[in-house]
Amino acid sequence: VSSAGDVNGDGLDDLIVGAYQANPNSKDDAGKSYVVFGKTGTKAVDLADISASNGVVAHAIDFQGNGENNILTGTSADELFV
């Protein structure tokens, strides 16, 4: 599991979880990403609550050099998106 940085600007590190075989909007195996927002306290986050199965976690970094974190995601058809 790796940090995605502070996606929502609240000062806490967040995670991005990918479900590569998700079927959003009736598009077979299109994939889907979920952001798990960081929080204070000690209660664990149940990833099953976000319906992510067979997923991976990716970093969010500034690919474009504009000072904002970007997410790089890909498909099984070798397509990449920022």
Protein backbone atom coordinates (compact mmCIF):
# COMPACT_ATOMS: atom_id res chain seq x y z
CA VAL A 1 0.00 0.00 0.00
CA SER A 2 1.39 3.38 -0.92
CA SER A 3 0.42 6.96 -0.27
CA ALA A 4 -1.35 9.01 -2.94
CA GLY A 5 -0.44 12.27 -1.25
CA ASP A 6 -3.08 14.70 -0.05
CA VAL A 7 -5.73 14.38 -2.79
CA ASN A 8 -8.40 16.54 -1.13
CA GLY A 9 -6.16 19.16 0.51
CA ASP A 10 -7.07 18.36 4.14
CA GLY A 11 -3.46 17.79 5.23
CA LEU A 12 -3.84 13.99 5.50
CA ASP A 13 -2.37 11.40 3.13
CA ASP A 14 -4.93 9.55 1.01
CA LEU A 15 -4.91 6.29 -0.97
CA ILE A 16 -6.09 5.47 -4.47
CA VAL A 17 -7.38 1.93 -4.95
CA GLY A 18 -7.96 0.52 -8.42
CA ALA A 19 -10.43 -2.21 -9.33
CA TYR A 20 -9.17 -3.14 -12.78
CA GLN A 21 -12.06 -5.43 -13.74
CA ALA A 22 -14.90 -3.23 -12.47
CA ASN A 23 -17.80 -2.67 -14.86
CA PRO A 24 -18.84 0.99 -14.43
CA ASN A 25 -21.73 2.23 -16.56
CA SER A 26 -22.14 -1.23 -18.15
CA LYS A 27 -18.65 -1.12 -19.71
CA ASP A 28 -17.12 -4.56 -19.24
CA ASP A 29 -13.75 -4.57 -17.46
CA ALA A 30 -13.31 -0.80 -17.92
CA GLY A 31 -11.90 -0.51 -14.41
CA LYS A 32 -12.63 1.96 -11.67
CA SER A 33 -10.62 3.95 -9.13
CA TYR A 34 -11.57 4.81 -5.57
CA VAL A 35 -10.04 7.41 -3.27
CA VAL A 36 -9.77 6.43 0.40
CA PHE A 37 -9.42 9.72 2.27
CA GLY A 38 -6.97 9.87 5.15
CA LYS A 39 -8.36 10.40 8.62
CA THR A 40 -7.30 11.00 12.17
CA GLY A 41 -7.97 8.43 14.86
CA THR A 42 -7.29 4.72 15.07
CA LYS A 43 -10.39 3.07 13.58
CA ALA A 44 -9.42 0.99 10.54
CA VAL A 45 -10.87 1.67 7.10
CA ASP A 46 -12.73 -1.36 5.72
CA LEU A 47 -11.81 -1.46 2.03
CA ALA A 48 -14.75 -3.79 1.38
CA ASP A 49 -16.95 -0.75 2.00
CA ILE A 50 -15.71 0.80 -1.25
CA SER A 51 -16.29 -2.39 -3.28
CA ALA A 52 -12.70 -2.65 -4.49
CA SER A 53 -11.75 -6.22 -5.37
CA ASN A 54 -8.63 -7.41 -7.18
CA GLY A 55 -7.33 -3.85 -7.02
CA VAL A 56 -4.01 -2.13 -6.73
CA VAL A 57 -2.87 1.08 -5.11
CA ALA A 58 -0.96 3.70 -7.08
CA HIS A 59 0.93 6.88 -6.31
CA ALA A 60 -0.39 10.30 -7.23
CA ILE A 61 2.44 12.63 -8.21
CA ASP A 62 2.83 15.84 -10.19
CA PHE A 63 3.32 14.50 -13.74
CA GLN A 64 2.50 17.84 -15.37
CA GLY A 65 4.72 20.09 -13.24
CA ASN A 66 1.86 22.38 -12.18
CA GLY A 67 2.12 21.78 -8.43
CA GLU A 68 -0.93 19.48 -8.27
CA ASN A 69 -0.88 15.70 -7.87
CA ASN A 70 -2.07 13.67 -10.87
CA ILE A 71 -3.22 10.07 -11.06
CA LEU A 72 -1.82 7.79 -13.77
CA THR A 73 -4.05 4.84 -14.55
CA GLY A 74 -4.03 2.23 -17.27
CA THR A 75 -6.14 -0.45 -18.89
CA SER A 76 -5.46 -4.03 -19.89
CA ALA A 77 -5.42 -2.75 -23.51
CA ASP A 78 -2.21 -0.78 -22.78
CA GLU A 79 -4.00 2.60 -22.64
CA LEU A 80 -2.69 5.17 -20.14
CA PHE A 81 -4.58 8.15 -18.73
CA VAL A 82 -3.44 11.09 -16.52
